[in-house]
Amino acid sequence: MSEAANLSNWLERVSRCGARKQVFAVLDEFRKQEWTDEECSQMAKHYIRIVTSMADDSADADAVKPDDAGGNEADGPVWYEKM
């Protein structure tokens, strides 16, 4: 088995990533290799666990907070009800 095809090495690379952007860069390299469905499934489960445990590193993460996104029902009708 070649070094590139060793799944445990790839899982370790994902584990060492410090940001989501780094994880996705590793995954871009990973997907170019020949993998079985089971290996792809293992990687998918692993990287989802890693990404969900990371803080959101996108520039837009703080732009719209969930509490600010929706209005309150007591605020009155929405714009299309006013027309």
PDB file of N, CA and C in Angstrom:
ATOM      1  N   MET A   1       0.851  -1.178   0.000  1.00  0.00           N
ATOM      2  CA  MET A   1       0.000   0.000   0.000  1.00  0.00           C
ATOM      3  C   MET A   1       0.898   1.243   0.000  1.00  0.00           C
ATOM      4  N   SER A   2       0.627   2.157  -0.886  1.00  0.00           N
ATOM      5  CA  SER A   2       1.442   3.365  -0.967  1.00  0.00           C
ATOM      6  C   SER A   2       1.110   4.305   0.189  1.00  0.00           C
ATOM      7  N   GLU A   3       2.016   5.232   0.421  1.00  0.00           N
ATOM      8  CA  GLU A   3       1.833   6.206   1.508  1.00  0.00           C
ATOM      9  C   GLU A   3       0.589   7.059   1.278  1.00  0.00           C
ATOM     10  N   ALA A   4       0.326   7.414   0.007  1.00  0.00           N
ATOM     11  CA  ALA A   4      -0.833   8.242  -0.308  1.00  0.00           C
ATOM     12  C   ALA A   4      -2.140   7.504  -0.080  1.00  0.00           C
ATOM     13  N   ALA A   5      -2.123   6.187  -0.184  1.00  0.00           N
ATOM     14  CA  ALA A   5      -3.346   5.410  -0.056  1.00  0.00           C
ATOM     15  C   ALA A   5      -3.565   4.892   1.365  1.00  0.00           C
ATOM     16  N   ASN A   6      -2.763   5.309   2.327  1.00  0.00           N
ATOM     17  CA  ASN A   6      -2.917   4.871   3.700  1.00  0.00           C
ATOM     18  C   ASN A   6      -3.941   5.768   4.399  1.00  0.00           C
ATOM     19  N   LEU A   7      -5.134   5.239   4.626  1.00  0.00           N
ATOM     20  CA  LEU A   7      -6.233   6.026   5.187  1.00  0.00           C
ATOM     21  C   LEU A   7      -5.890   6.599   6.555  1.00  0.00           C
ATOM     22  N   SER A   8      -5.200   5.844   7.382  1.00  0.00           N
ATOM     23  CA  SER A   8      -4.886   6.339   8.727  1.00  0.00           C
ATOM     24  C   SER A   8      -4.016   7.594   8.668  1.00  0.00           C
ATOM     25  N   ASN A   9      -3.138   7.691   7.680  1.00  0.00           N
ATOM     26  CA  ASN A   9      -2.330   8.911   7.507  1.00  0.00           C
ATOM     27  C   ASN A   9      -3.216  10.111   7.177  1.00  0.00           C
ATOM     28  N   TRP A  10      -4.188   9.895   6.319  1.00  0.00           N
ATOM     29  CA  TRP A  10      -5.099  10.971   5.932  1.00  0.00           C
ATOM     30  C   TRP A  10      -5.981  11.392   7.100  1.00  0.00           C
ATOM     31  N   LEU A  11      -6.454  10.434   7.883  1.00  0.00           N
ATOM     32  CA  LEU A  11      -7.264  10.755   9.059  1.00  0.00           C
ATOM     33  C   LEU A  11      -6.439  11.578  10.053  1.00  0.00           C
ATOM     34  N   GLU A  12      -5.178  11.222  10.206  1.00  0.00           N
ATOM     35  CA  GLU A  12      -4.280  11.965  11.095  1.00  0.00           C
ATOM     36  C   GLU A  12      -4.055  13.384  10.584  1.00  0.00           C
ATOM     37  N   ARG A  13      -3.899  13.543   9.280  1.00  0.00           N
ATOM     38  CA  ARG A  13      -3.720  14.882   8.703  1.00  0.00           C
ATOM     39  C   ARG A  13      -4.915  15.772   9.002  1.00  0.00           C
ATOM     40  N   VAL A  14      -6.118  15.203   8.871  1.00  0.00           N
ATOM     41  CA  VAL A  14      -7.334  15.971   9.161  1.00  0.00           C
ATOM     42  C   VAL A  14      -7.364  16.336  10.648  1.00  0.00           C
ATOM     43  N   SER A  15      -6.982  15.402  11.492  1.00  0.00           N
ATOM     44  CA  SER A  15      -6.988  15.649  12.943  1.00  0.00           C
ATOM     45  C   SER A  15      -6.048  16.775  13.344  1.00  0.00           C
ATOM     46  N   ARG A  16      -4.956  16.939  12.625  1.00  0.00           N
ATOM     47  CA  ARG A  16      -3.964  17.970  12.947  1.00  0.00           C
ATOM     48  C   ARG A  16      -4.358  19.361  12.450  1.00  0.00           C
ATOM     49  N   CYS A  17      -5.373  19.468  11.633  1.00  0.00           N
ATOM     50  CA  CYS A  17      -5.776  20.769  11.089  1.00  0.00           C
ATOM     51  C   CYS A  17      -6.303  21.665  12.206  1.00  0.00           C
ATOM     52  N   GLY A  18      -5.989  22.936  12.111  1.00  0.00           N
ATOM     53  CA  GLY A  18      -6.409  23.885  13.126  1.00  0.00           C
ATOM     54  C   GLY A  18      -7.604  24.733  12.725  1.00  0.00           C
ATOM     55  N   ALA A  19      -7.968  24.682  11.450  1.00  0.00           N
ATOM     56  CA  ALA A  19      -9.078  25.489  10.961  1.00  0.00           C
ATOM     57  C   ALA A  19      -9.833  24.717   9.882  1.00  0.00           C
ATOM     58  N   ARG A  20     -11.079  25.079   9.695  1.00  0.00           N
ATOM     59  CA  ARG A  20     -11.907  24.399   8.689  1.00  0.00           C
ATOM     60  C   ARG A  20     -11.310  24.518   7.296  1.00  0.00           C
ATOM     61  N   LYS A  21     -10.736  25.664   7.007  1.00  0.00           N
ATOM     62  CA  LYS A  21     -10.131  25.881   5.693  1.00  0.00           C
ATOM     63  C   LYS A  21      -9.026  24.856   5.434  1.00  0.00           C
ATOM     64  N   GLN A  22      -8.247  24.553   6.472  1.00  0.00           N
ATOM     65  CA  GLN A  22      -7.191  23.550   6.348  1.00  0.00           C
ATOM     66  C   GLN A  22      -7.776  22.158   6.125  1.00  0.00           C
ATOM     67  N   VAL A  23      -8.856  21.848   6.833  1.00  0.00           N
ATOM     68  CA  VAL A  23      -9.510  20.544   6.661  1.00  0.00           C
ATOM     69  C   VAL A  23      -9.956  20.386   5.217  1.00  0.00           C
ATOM     70  N   PHE A  24     -10.595  21.402   4.673  1.00  0.00           N
ATOM     71  CA  PHE A  24     -11.100  21.307   3.309  1.00  0.00           C
ATOM     72  C   PHE A  24      -9.969  21.234   2.285  1.00  0.00           C
ATOM     73  N   ALA A  25      -8.838  21.841   2.582  1.00  0.00           N
ATOM     74  CA  ALA A  25      -7.673  21.729   1.688  1.00  0.00           C
ATOM     75  C   ALA A  25      -7.162  20.284   1.670  1.00  0.00           C
ATOM     76  N   VAL A  26      -7.110  19.652   2.836  1.00  0.00           N
ATOM     77  CA  VAL A  26      -6.687  18.245   2.904  1.00  0.00           C
ATOM     78  C   VAL A  26      -7.699  17.366   2.169  1.00  0.00           C
ATOM     79  N   LEU A  27      -8.975  17.653   2.341  1.00  0.00           N
ATOM     80  CA  LEU A  27     -10.004  16.856   1.665  1.00  0.00           C
ATOM     81  C   LEU A  27      -9.932  16.995   0.148  1.00  0.00           C
ATOM     82  N   ASP A  28      -9.536  18.164  -0.335  1.00  0.00           N
ATOM     83  CA  ASP A  28      -9.358  18.339  -1.779  1.00  0.00           C
ATOM     84  C   ASP A  28      -8.276  17.401  -2.309  1.00  0.00           C
ATOM     85  N   GLU A  29      -7.209  17.222  -1.530  1.00  0.00           N
ATOM     86  CA  GLU A  29      -6.160  16.276  -1.916  1.00  0.00           C
ATOM     87  C   GLU A  29      -6.639  14.836  -1.782  1.00  0.00           C
ATOM     88  N   PHE A  30      -7.376  14.564  -0.712  1.00  0.00           N
ATOM     89  CA  PHE A  30      -7.866  13.214  -0.418  1.00  0.00           C
ATOM     90  C   PHE A  30      -8.763  12.689  -1.542  1.00  0.00           C
ATOM     91  N   ARG A  31      -9.659  13.520  -2.018  1.00  0.00           N
ATOM     92  CA  ARG A  31     -10.654  13.055  -2.997  1.00  0.00           C
ATOM     93  C   ARG A  31     -10.038  12.681  -4.344  1.00  0.00           C
ATOM     94  N   LYS A  32      -8.821  13.132  -4.613  1.00  0.00           N
ATOM     95  CA  LYS A  32      -8.158  12.822  -5.881  1.00  0.00           C
ATOM     96  C   LYS A  32      -7.585  11.407  -5.902  1.00  0.00           C
ATOM     97  N   GLN A  33      -7.526  10.757  -4.742  1.00  0.00           N
ATOM     98  CA  GLN A  33      -6.991   9.404  -4.626  1.00  0.00           C
ATOM     99  C   GLN A  33      -8.082   8.371  -4.910  1.00  0.00           C
ATOM    100  N   GLU A  34      -7.667   7.135  -5.093  1.00  0.00           N
ATOM    101  CA  GLU A  34      -8.604   6.027  -5.290  1.00  0.00           C
ATOM    102  C   GLU A  34      -8.971   5.460  -3.921  1.00  0.00           C
ATOM    103  N   TRP A  35     -10.244   5.544  -3.546  1.00  0.00           N
ATOM    104  CA  TRP A  35     -10.707   5.069  -2.250  1.00  0.00           C
ATOM    105  C   TRP A  35     -11.946   4.193  -2.424  1.00  0.00           C
ATOM    106  N   THR A  36     -12.112   3.259  -1.517  1.00  0.00           N
ATOM    107  CA  THR A  36     -13.334   2.445  -1.515  1.00  0.00           C
ATOM    108  C   THR A  36     -14.447   3.258  -0.868  1.00  0.00           C
ATOM    109  N   ASP A  37     -15.669   2.793  -1.026  1.00  0.00           N
ATOM    110  CA  ASP A  37     -16.801   3.472  -0.397  1.00  0.00           C
ATOM    111  C   ASP A  37     -16.661   3.478   1.123  1.00  0.00           C
ATOM    112  N   GLU A  38     -16.175   2.385   1.689  1.00  0.00           N
ATOM    113  CA  GLU A  38     -15.991   2.295   3.140  1.00  0.00           C
ATOM    114  C   GLU A  38     -14.947   3.301   3.624  1.00  0.00           C
ATOM    115  N   GLU A  39     -13.864   3.450   2.892  1.00  0.00           N
ATOM    116  CA  GLU A  39     -12.828   4.417   3.273  1.00  0.00           C
ATOM    117  C   GLU A  39     -13.361   5.850   3.184  1.00  0.00           C
ATOM    118  N   CYS A  40     -14.131   6.134   2.147  1.00  0.00           N
ATOM    119  CA  CYS A  40     -14.736   7.468   2.015  1.00  0.00           C
ATOM    120  C   CYS A  40     -15.703   7.736   3.162  1.00  0.00           C
ATOM    121  N   SER A  41     -16.444   6.713   3.545  1.00  0.00           N
ATOM    122  CA  SER A  41     -17.377   6.847   4.658  1.00  0.00           C
ATOM    123  C   SER A  41     -16.645   7.123   5.964  1.00  0.00           C
ATOM    124  N   GLN A  42     -15.549   6.414   6.190  1.00  0.00           N
ATOM    125  CA  GLN A  42     -14.753   6.643   7.400  1.00  0.00           C
ATOM    126  C   GLN A  42     -14.207   8.062   7.440  1.00  0.00           C
ATOM    127  N   MET A  43     -13.695   8.535   6.312  1.00  0.00           N
ATOM    128  CA  MET A  43     -13.160   9.889   6.254  1.00  0.00           C
ATOM    129  C   MET A  43     -14.279  10.905   6.481  1.00  0.00           C
ATOM    130  N   ALA A  44     -15.430  10.696   5.877  1.00  0.00           N
ATOM    131  CA  ALA A  44     -16.548  11.635   6.034  1.00  0.00           C
ATOM    132  C   ALA A  44     -16.959  11.746   7.498  1.00  0.00           C
ATOM    133  N   LYS A  45     -17.104  10.629   8.163  1.00  0.00           N
ATOM    134  CA  LYS A  45     -17.484  10.649   9.583  1.00  0.00           C
ATOM    135  C   LYS A  45     -16.419  11.356  10.416  1.00  0.00           C
ATOM    136  N   HIS A  46     -15.170  11.097  10.103  1.00  0.00           N
ATOM    137  CA  HIS A  46     -14.066  11.687  10.855  1.00  0.00           C
ATOM    138  C   HIS A  46     -14.009  13.202  10.654  1.00  0.00           C
ATOM    139  N   TYR A  47     -14.055  13.642   9.406  1.00  0.00           N
ATOM    140  CA  TYR A  47     -13.895  15.079   9.188  1.00  0.00           C
ATOM    141  C   TYR A  47     -15.096  15.864   9.684  1.00  0.00           C
ATOM    142  N   ILE A  48     -16.285  15.278   9.660  1.00  0.00           N
ATOM    143  CA  ILE A  48     -17.462  15.962  10.208  1.00  0.00           C
ATOM    144  C   ILE A  48     -17.286  16.167  11.715  1.00  0.00           C
ATOM    145  N   ARG A  49     -16.782  15.140  12.418  1.00  0.00           N
ATOM    146  CA  ARG A  49     -16.525  15.286  13.856  1.00  0.00           C
ATOM    147  C   ARG A  49     -15.510  16.398  14.110  1.00  0.00           C
ATOM    148  N   ILE A  50     -14.460  16.443  13.305  1.00  0.00           N
ATOM    149  CA  ILE A  50     -13.416  17.452  13.487  1.00  0.00           C
ATOM    150  C   ILE A  50     -13.962  18.854  13.204  1.00  0.00           C
ATOM    151  N   VAL A  51     -14.658  19.015  12.103  1.00  0.00           N
ATOM    152  CA  VAL A  51     -15.169  20.325  11.700  1.00  0.00           C
ATOM    153  C   VAL A  51     -16.208  20.847  12.693  1.00  0.00           C
ATOM    154  N   THR A  52     -17.086  19.983  13.189  1.00  0.00           N
ATOM    155  CA  THR A  52     -18.104  20.455  14.126  1.00  0.00           C
ATOM    156  C   THR A  52     -17.519  20.826  15.481  1.00  0.00           C
ATOM    157  N   SER A  53     -16.356  20.299  15.808  1.00  0.00           N
ATOM    158  CA  SER A  53     -15.732  20.651  17.084  1.00  0.00           C
ATOM    159  C   SER A  53     -14.918  21.939  16.987  1.00  0.00           C
ATOM    160  N   MET A  54     -14.681  22.420  15.774  1.00  0.00           N
ATOM    161  CA  MET A  54     -13.898  23.641  15.572  1.00  0.00           C
ATOM    162  C   MET A  54     -14.784  24.876  15.664  1.00  0.00           C
ATOM    163  N   ALA A  55     -14.169  25.982  16.056  1.00  0.00           N
ATOM    164  CA  ALA A  55     -14.865  27.258  16.000  1.00  0.00           C
ATOM    165  C   ALA A  55     -15.012  27.642  14.531  1.00  0.00           C
ATOM    166  N   ASP A  56     -16.062  28.365  14.223  1.00  0.00           N
ATOM    167  CA  ASP A  56     -16.293  28.792  12.846  1.00  0.00           C
ATOM    168  C   ASP A  56     -15.248  29.828  12.472  1.00  0.00           C
ATOM    169  N   ASP A  57     -14.457  29.546  11.433  1.00  0.00           N
ATOM    170  CA  ASP A  57     -13.365  30.449  11.046  1.00  0.00           C
ATOM    171  C   ASP A  57     -13.675  31.277   9.809  1.00  0.00           C
ATOM    172  N   SER A  58     -14.931  31.310   9.407  1.00  0.00           N
ATOM    173  CA  SER A  58     -15.272  32.095   8.222  1.00  0.00           C
ATOM    174  C   SER A  58     -15.418  33.567   8.593  1.00  0.00           C
ATOM    175  N   ALA A  59     -15.209  34.424   7.633  1.00  0.00           N
ATOM    176  CA  ALA A  59     -15.293  35.867   7.865  1.00  0.00           C
ATOM    177  C   ALA A  59     -16.730  36.297   8.136  1.00  0.00           C
ATOM    178  N   ASP A  60     -17.692  35.539   7.626  1.00  0.00           N
ATOM    179  CA  ASP A  60     -19.096  35.898   7.770  1.00  0.00           C
ATOM    180  C   ASP A  60     -19.738  35.297   9.013  1.00  0.00           C
ATOM    181  N   ALA A  61     -18.986  34.606   9.827  1.00  0.00           N
ATOM    182  CA  ALA A  61     -19.558  33.901  10.973  1.00  0.00           C
ATOM    183  C   ALA A  61     -20.269  34.835  11.937  1.00  0.00           C
ATOM    184  N   ASP A  62     -19.710  36.023  12.150  1.00  0.00           N
ATOM    185  CA  ASP A  62     -20.310  36.959  13.094  1.00  0.00           C
ATOM    186  C   ASP A  62     -21.186  38.007  12.414  1.00  0.00           C
ATOM    187  N   ALA A  63     -21.281  37.965  11.104  1.00  0.00           N
ATOM    188  CA  ALA A  63     -22.041  38.983  10.382  1.00  0.00           C
ATOM    189  C   ALA A  63     -23.521  38.936  10.735  1.00  0.00           C
ATOM    190  N   VAL A  64     -24.103  37.742  10.750  1.00  0.00           N
ATOM    191  CA  VAL A  64     -25.510  37.584  11.095  1.00  0.00           C
ATOM    192  C   VAL A  64     -25.602  36.521  12.175  1.00  0.00           C
ATOM    193  N   LYS A  65     -25.998  36.935  13.333  1.00  0.00           N
ATOM    194  CA  LYS A  65     -26.163  35.997  14.432  1.00  0.00           C
ATOM    195  C   LYS A  65     -27.594  35.480  14.398  1.00  0.00           C
ATOM    196  N   PRO A  66     -27.832  34.244  14.797  1.00  0.00           N
ATOM    197  CA  PRO A  66     -29.190  33.695  14.761  1.00  0.00           C
ATOM    198  C   PRO A  66     -30.207  34.545  15.504  1.00  0.00           C
ATOM    199  N   ASP A  67     -29.832  35.157  16.617  1.00  0.00           N
ATOM    200  CA  ASP A  67     -30.771  35.984  17.368  1.00  0.00           C
ATOM    201  C   ASP A  67     -31.155  37.249  16.602  1.00  0.00           C
ATOM    202  N   ASP A  68     -30.247  37.731  15.764  1.00  0.00           N
ATOM    203  CA  ASP A  68     -30.498  38.952  15.006  1.00  0.00           C
ATOM    204  C   ASP A  68     -31.193  38.687  13.681  1.00  0.00           C
ATOM    205  N   ALA A  69     -31.188  37.455  13.217  1.00  0.00           N
ATOM    206  CA  ALA A  69     -31.680  37.145  11.889  1.00  0.00           C
ATOM    207  C   ALA A  69     -33.191  37.244  11.786  1.00  0.00           C
ATOM    208  N   GLY A  70     -33.906  36.810  12.779  1.00  0.00           N
ATOM    209  CA  GLY A  70     -35.362  36.796  12.696  1.00  0.00           C
ATOM    210  C   GLY A  70     -35.967  37.943  13.465  1.00  0.00           C
ATOM    211  N   GLY A  71     -37.148  38.313  13.051  1.00  0.00           N
ATOM    212  CA  GLY A  71     -37.846  39.364  13.761  1.00  0.00           C
ATOM    213  C   GLY A  71     -38.739  38.782  14.836  1.00  0.00           C
ATOM    214  N   ASN A  72     -39.271  39.625  15.648  1.00  0.00           N
ATOM    215  CA  ASN A  72     -40.189  39.219  16.684  1.00  0.00           C
ATOM    216  C   ASN A  72     -41.596  39.366  16.144  1.00  0.00           C
ATOM    217  N   GLU A  73     -42.497  38.450  16.457  1.00  0.00           N
ATOM    218  CA  GLU A  73     -43.866  38.521  15.958  1.00  0.00           C
ATOM    219  C   GLU A  73     -44.551  39.794  16.422  1.00  0.00           C
ATOM    220  N   ALA A  74     -44.142  40.327  17.547  1.00  0.00           N
ATOM    221  CA  ALA A  74     -44.746  41.547  18.074  1.00  0.00           C
ATOM    222  C   ALA A  74     -44.288  42.782  17.307  1.00  0.00           C
ATOM    223  N   ASP A  75     -43.336  42.630  16.400  1.00  0.00           N
ATOM    224  CA  ASP A  75     -42.825  43.769  15.636  1.00  0.00           C
ATOM    225  C   ASP A  75     -43.826  44.253  14.594  1.00  0.00           C
ATOM    226  N   GLY A  76     -44.861  43.500  14.320  1.00  0.00           N
ATOM    227  CA  GLY A  76     -45.831  43.888  13.326  1.00  0.00           C
ATOM    228  C   GLY A  76     -45.641  43.093  12.040  1.00  0.00           C
ATOM    229  N   PRO A  77     -46.383  43.475  11.001  1.00  0.00           N
ATOM    230  CA  PRO A  77     -46.348  42.704   9.746  1.00  0.00           C
ATOM    231  C   PRO A  77     -45.001  42.857   9.038  1.00  0.00           C
ATOM    232  N   VAL A  78     -44.644  41.845   8.285  1.00  0.00           N
ATOM    233  CA  VAL A  78     -43.423  41.887   7.494  1.00  0.00           C
ATOM    234  C   VAL A  78     -43.687  42.720   6.245  1.00  0.00           C
ATOM    235  N   TRP A  79     -42.636  43.046   5.495  1.00  0.00           N
ATOM    236  CA  TRP A  79     -42.749  43.972   4.366  1.00  0.00           C
ATOM    237  C   TRP A  79     -43.799  43.563   3.349  1.00  0.00           C
ATOM    238  N   TYR A  80     -43.950  42.249   3.061  1.00  0.00           N
ATOM    239  CA  TYR A  80     -44.894  41.852   2.035  1.00  0.00           C
ATOM    240  C   TYR A  80     -46.325  41.891   2.530  1.00  0.00           C
ATOM    241  N   GLU A  81     -46.530  41.903   3.833  1.00  0.00           N
ATOM    242  CA  GLU A  81     -47.894  42.059   4.367  1.00  0.00           C
ATOM    243  C   GLU A  81     -48.335  43.503   4.367  1.00  0.00           C
ATOM    244  N   LYS A  82     -47.391  44.410   4.285  1.00  0.00           N
ATOM    245  CA  LYS A  82     -47.707  45.845   4.302  1.00  0.00           C
ATOM    246  C   LYS A  82     -48.169  46.318   2.925  1.00  0.00           C
ATOM    247  N   MET A  83     -47.893  45.569   1.898  1.00  0.00           N
ATOM    248  CA  MET A  83     -48.223  46.009   0.532  1.00  0.00           C
ATOM    249  C   MET A  83     -49.683  45.845   0.199  1.00  0.00           C
TER     250      MET A  83
END
